[in-house]
Amino acid sequence: MIKDRLFFFLDGERTKQDLSAPVLSGNQFASLSGNFNSPFRETQTIGRLDYQFQGSARLFYRFSFDQNRS
C-alpha cells in the first residue's frame, strides 16, 4: 500500500455447528417426539480501508457481510 497514507483491515469468521434439538410432544403426538438435526452455518466478513490526505483530511470505506443458514 502507500506508506503512511493508505491502511487496510480485513477479518473473517466462519461458524459451523452440527447440533441436535430434542422435540417433546404431548400424548396425542408422542410418535413425533425425538432428536432432530439442527445444523447452523454462519459466515462473517468485515473490512476497512483508510486513506490519509495531506493535513488532517481522511477518507475511509467500511464494509461487512453476514450470511447464516440454519
N, C-alpha and C. Protein backbone atom coordinates (compact mmCIF):
# COMPACT_ATOMS: atom_id res chain seq x y z
N MET A 1 0.84 -1.16 0.00
CA MET A 1 0.00 0.00 0.00
C MET A 1 0.90 1.24 0.00
N ILE A 2 0.33 2.38 0.21
CA ILE A 2 1.10 3.62 0.22
C ILE A 2 1.58 3.89 1.64
N LYS A 3 2.89 4.00 1.79
CA LYS A 3 3.48 4.11 3.13
C LYS A 3 2.94 5.33 3.88
N ASP A 4 2.48 5.10 5.09
CA ASP A 4 1.96 6.13 6.00
C ASP A 4 0.77 6.91 5.43
N ARG A 5 0.09 6.38 4.40
CA ARG A 5 -1.07 7.07 3.82
C ARG A 5 -2.29 6.15 3.70
N LEU A 6 -2.06 4.93 3.24
CA LEU A 6 -3.16 4.00 2.96
C LEU A 6 -3.04 2.78 3.85
N PHE A 7 -4.13 2.46 4.56
CA PHE A 7 -4.14 1.35 5.50
C PHE A 7 -5.38 0.49 5.24
N PHE A 8 -5.28 -0.80 5.54
CA PHE A 8 -6.44 -1.67 5.38
C PHE A 8 -6.52 -2.65 6.53
N PHE A 9 -7.73 -3.18 6.72
CA PHE A 9 -8.00 -4.19 7.75
C PHE A 9 -9.03 -5.15 7.19
N LEU A 10 -8.79 -6.44 7.34
CA LEU A 10 -9.72 -7.48 6.92
C LEU A 10 -9.88 -8.50 8.05
N ASP A 11 -11.10 -8.99 8.22
CA ASP A 11 -11.36 -10.01 9.23
C ASP A 11 -12.44 -10.93 8.70
N GLY A 12 -12.30 -12.21 8.95
CA GLY A 12 -13.30 -13.19 8.53
C GLY A 12 -13.52 -14.23 9.61
N GLU A 13 -14.74 -14.71 9.70
CA GLU A 13 -15.08 -15.71 10.71
C GLU A 13 -16.15 -16.64 10.13
N ARG A 14 -15.99 -17.92 10.40
CA ARG A 14 -16.98 -18.89 9.94
C ARG A 14 -17.33 -19.81 11.09
N THR A 15 -18.62 -20.05 11.27
CA THR A 15 -19.11 -20.93 12.33
C THR A 15 -19.87 -22.09 11.69
N LYS A 16 -19.55 -23.29 12.14
CA LYS A 16 -20.24 -24.49 11.67
C LYS A 16 -20.59 -25.32 12.89
N GLN A 17 -21.88 -25.47 13.16
CA GLN A 17 -22.33 -26.25 14.30
C GLN A 17 -23.31 -27.31 13.82
N ASP A 18 -23.07 -28.53 14.20
CA ASP A 18 -23.98 -29.63 13.90
C ASP A 18 -24.54 -30.12 15.23
N LEU A 19 -25.68 -29.59 15.60
CA LEU A 19 -26.31 -29.92 16.87
C LEU A 19 -27.59 -30.70 16.63
N SER A 20 -28.10 -31.27 17.68
CA SER A 20 -29.41 -31.92 17.59
C SER A 20 -30.34 -31.24 18.57
N ALA A 21 -31.61 -31.14 18.18
CA ALA A 21 -32.61 -30.47 19.01
C ALA A 21 -33.66 -31.49 19.44
N PRO A 22 -33.82 -31.69 20.74
CA PRO A 22 -34.86 -32.61 21.21
C PRO A 22 -36.25 -31.98 21.07
N VAL A 23 -37.20 -32.77 20.61
CA VAL A 23 -38.59 -32.33 20.48
C VAL A 23 -39.45 -33.27 21.31
N LEU A 24 -40.16 -32.71 22.28
CA LEU A 24 -41.04 -33.49 23.14
C LEU A 24 -42.48 -33.09 22.86
N SER A 25 -43.29 -34.05 22.48
CA SER A 25 -44.70 -33.78 22.16
C SER A 25 -45.59 -34.38 23.24
N GLY A 26 -46.82 -33.91 23.27
CA GLY A 26 -47.79 -34.43 24.24
C GLY A 26 -48.24 -35.84 23.86
N ASN A 27 -49.17 -36.38 24.61
CA ASN A 27 -49.63 -37.76 24.41
C ASN A 27 -50.19 -38.01 23.02
N GLN A 28 -50.94 -37.06 22.48
CA GLN A 28 -51.55 -37.27 21.17
C GLN A 28 -50.52 -37.35 20.05
N PHE A 29 -49.39 -36.70 20.22
CA PHE A 29 -48.37 -36.66 19.18
C PHE A 29 -47.06 -37.29 19.64
N ALA A 30 -47.13 -38.28 20.47
CA ALA A 30 -45.93 -38.93 21.02
C ALA A 30 -45.04 -39.52 19.93
N SER A 31 -45.63 -39.93 18.82
CA SER A 31 -44.83 -40.52 17.74
C SER A 31 -43.94 -39.47 17.05
N LEU A 32 -44.21 -38.19 17.25
CA LEU A 32 -43.41 -37.14 16.64
C LEU A 32 -42.24 -36.69 17.52
N SER A 33 -42.14 -37.23 18.73
CA SER A 33 -41.04 -36.87 19.63
C SER A 33 -39.74 -37.50 19.16
N GLY A 34 -38.63 -36.87 19.50
CA GLY A 34 -37.32 -37.42 19.15
C GLY A 34 -36.28 -36.33 19.03
N ASN A 35 -35.08 -36.72 18.61
CA ASN A 35 -33.99 -35.78 18.37
C ASN A 35 -33.86 -35.53 16.88
N PHE A 36 -33.76 -34.28 16.50
CA PHE A 36 -33.67 -33.91 15.09
C PHE A 36 -32.43 -33.06 14.87
N ASN A 37 -31.80 -33.25 13.71
CA ASN A 37 -30.61 -32.46 13.38
C ASN A 37 -30.98 -30.99 13.24
N SER A 38 -30.10 -30.13 13.74
CA SER A 38 -30.30 -28.68 13.66
C SER A 38 -28.97 -28.02 13.27
N PRO A 39 -28.56 -28.14 12.00
CA PRO A 39 -27.27 -27.55 11.59
C PRO A 39 -27.36 -26.03 11.52
N PHE A 40 -26.24 -25.38 11.81
CA PHE A 40 -26.15 -23.91 11.74
C PHE A 40 -24.85 -23.54 11.05
N ARG A 41 -24.91 -22.66 10.07
CA ARG A 41 -23.74 -22.18 9.34
C ARG A 41 -23.79 -20.65 9.30
N GLU A 42 -22.66 -20.02 9.58
CA GLU A 42 -22.59 -18.56 9.53
C GLU A 42 -21.23 -18.12 9.00
N THR A 43 -21.24 -17.13 8.11
CA THR A 43 -20.03 -16.54 7.57
C THR A 43 -20.10 -15.03 7.77
N GLN A 44 -19.06 -14.46 8.36
CA GLN A 44 -18.99 -13.02 8.59
C GLN A 44 -17.67 -12.49 8.05
N THR A 45 -17.73 -11.35 7.37
CA THR A 45 -16.54 -10.69 6.86
C THR A 45 -16.65 -9.19 7.13
N ILE A 46 -15.57 -8.60 7.58
CA ILE A 46 -15.52 -7.17 7.86
C ILE A 46 -14.24 -6.61 7.24
N GLY A 47 -14.33 -5.43 6.66
CA GLY A 47 -13.15 -4.81 6.08
C GLY A 47 -13.20 -3.30 6.20
N ARG A 48 -12.04 -2.70 6.15
CA ARG A 48 -11.95 -1.24 6.23
C ARG A 48 -10.71 -0.78 5.47
N LEU A 49 -10.86 0.32 4.75
CA LEU A 49 -9.78 0.93 4.00
C LEU A 49 -9.71 2.40 4.40
N ASP A 50 -8.55 2.87 4.85
CA ASP A 50 -8.36 4.26 5.28
C ASP A 50 -7.29 4.92 4.41
N TYR A 51 -7.56 6.17 4.04
CA TYR A 51 -6.56 6.96 3.31
C TYR A 51 -6.43 8.31 4.00
N GLN A 52 -5.20 8.71 4.27
CA GLN A 52 -4.95 10.00 4.92
C GLN A 52 -4.35 10.96 3.89
N PHE A 53 -5.11 12.02 3.59
CA PHE A 53 -4.62 13.06 2.69
C PHE A 53 -3.61 13.92 3.44
N GLN A 54 -3.03 14.87 2.77
CA GLN A 54 -2.13 15.80 3.45
C GLN A 54 -2.92 16.63 4.44
N GLY A 55 -2.35 16.87 5.57
CA GLY A 55 -3.06 17.61 6.62
C GLY A 55 -3.92 16.66 7.44
N SER A 56 -5.08 17.14 7.86
CA SER A 56 -5.93 16.32 8.74
C SER A 56 -7.10 15.67 8.02
N ALA A 57 -7.19 15.79 6.70
CA ALA A 57 -8.30 15.19 5.95
C ALA A 57 -8.09 13.69 5.79
N ARG A 58 -9.16 12.93 6.03
CA ARG A 58 -9.11 11.47 5.92
C ARG A 58 -10.33 10.96 5.18
N LEU A 59 -10.17 9.81 4.57
CA LEU A 59 -11.26 9.14 3.86
C LEU A 59 -11.23 7.68 4.27
N PHE A 60 -12.42 7.09 4.51
CA PHE A 60 -12.43 5.66 4.82
C PHE A 60 -13.62 4.99 4.15
N TYR A 61 -13.47 3.71 3.90
CA TYR A 61 -14.52 2.86 3.33
C TYR A 61 -14.61 1.63 4.22
N ARG A 62 -15.82 1.31 4.64
CA ARG A 62 -16.03 0.17 5.53
C ARG A 62 -17.11 -0.73 4.94
N PHE A 63 -16.92 -2.04 5.05
CA PHE A 63 -17.95 -2.96 4.58
C PHE A 63 -18.05 -4.14 5.53
N SER A 64 -19.23 -4.78 5.49
CA SER A 64 -19.44 -6.00 6.27
C SER A 64 -20.39 -6.92 5.50
N PHE A 65 -20.21 -8.20 5.72
CA PHE A 65 -21.03 -9.23 5.08
C PHE A 65 -21.37 -10.26 6.13
N ASP A 66 -22.64 -10.62 6.22
CA ASP A 66 -23.09 -11.61 7.20
C ASP A 66 -24.11 -12.53 6.53
N GLN A 67 -23.82 -13.81 6.54
CA GLN A 67 -24.73 -14.79 5.94
C GLN A 67 -24.86 -15.95 6.91
N ASN A 68 -26.10 -16.33 7.20
CA ASN A 68 -26.28 -17.51 8.05
C ASN A 68 -27.41 -18.37 7.53
N ARG A 69 -27.26 -19.66 7.76
CA ARG A 69 -28.25 -20.66 7.36
C ARG A 69 -28.46 -21.59 8.54
N SER A 70 -29.68 -21.95 8.76
CA SER A 70 -29.96 -22.92 9.82
C SER A 70 -30.94 -23.96 9.33
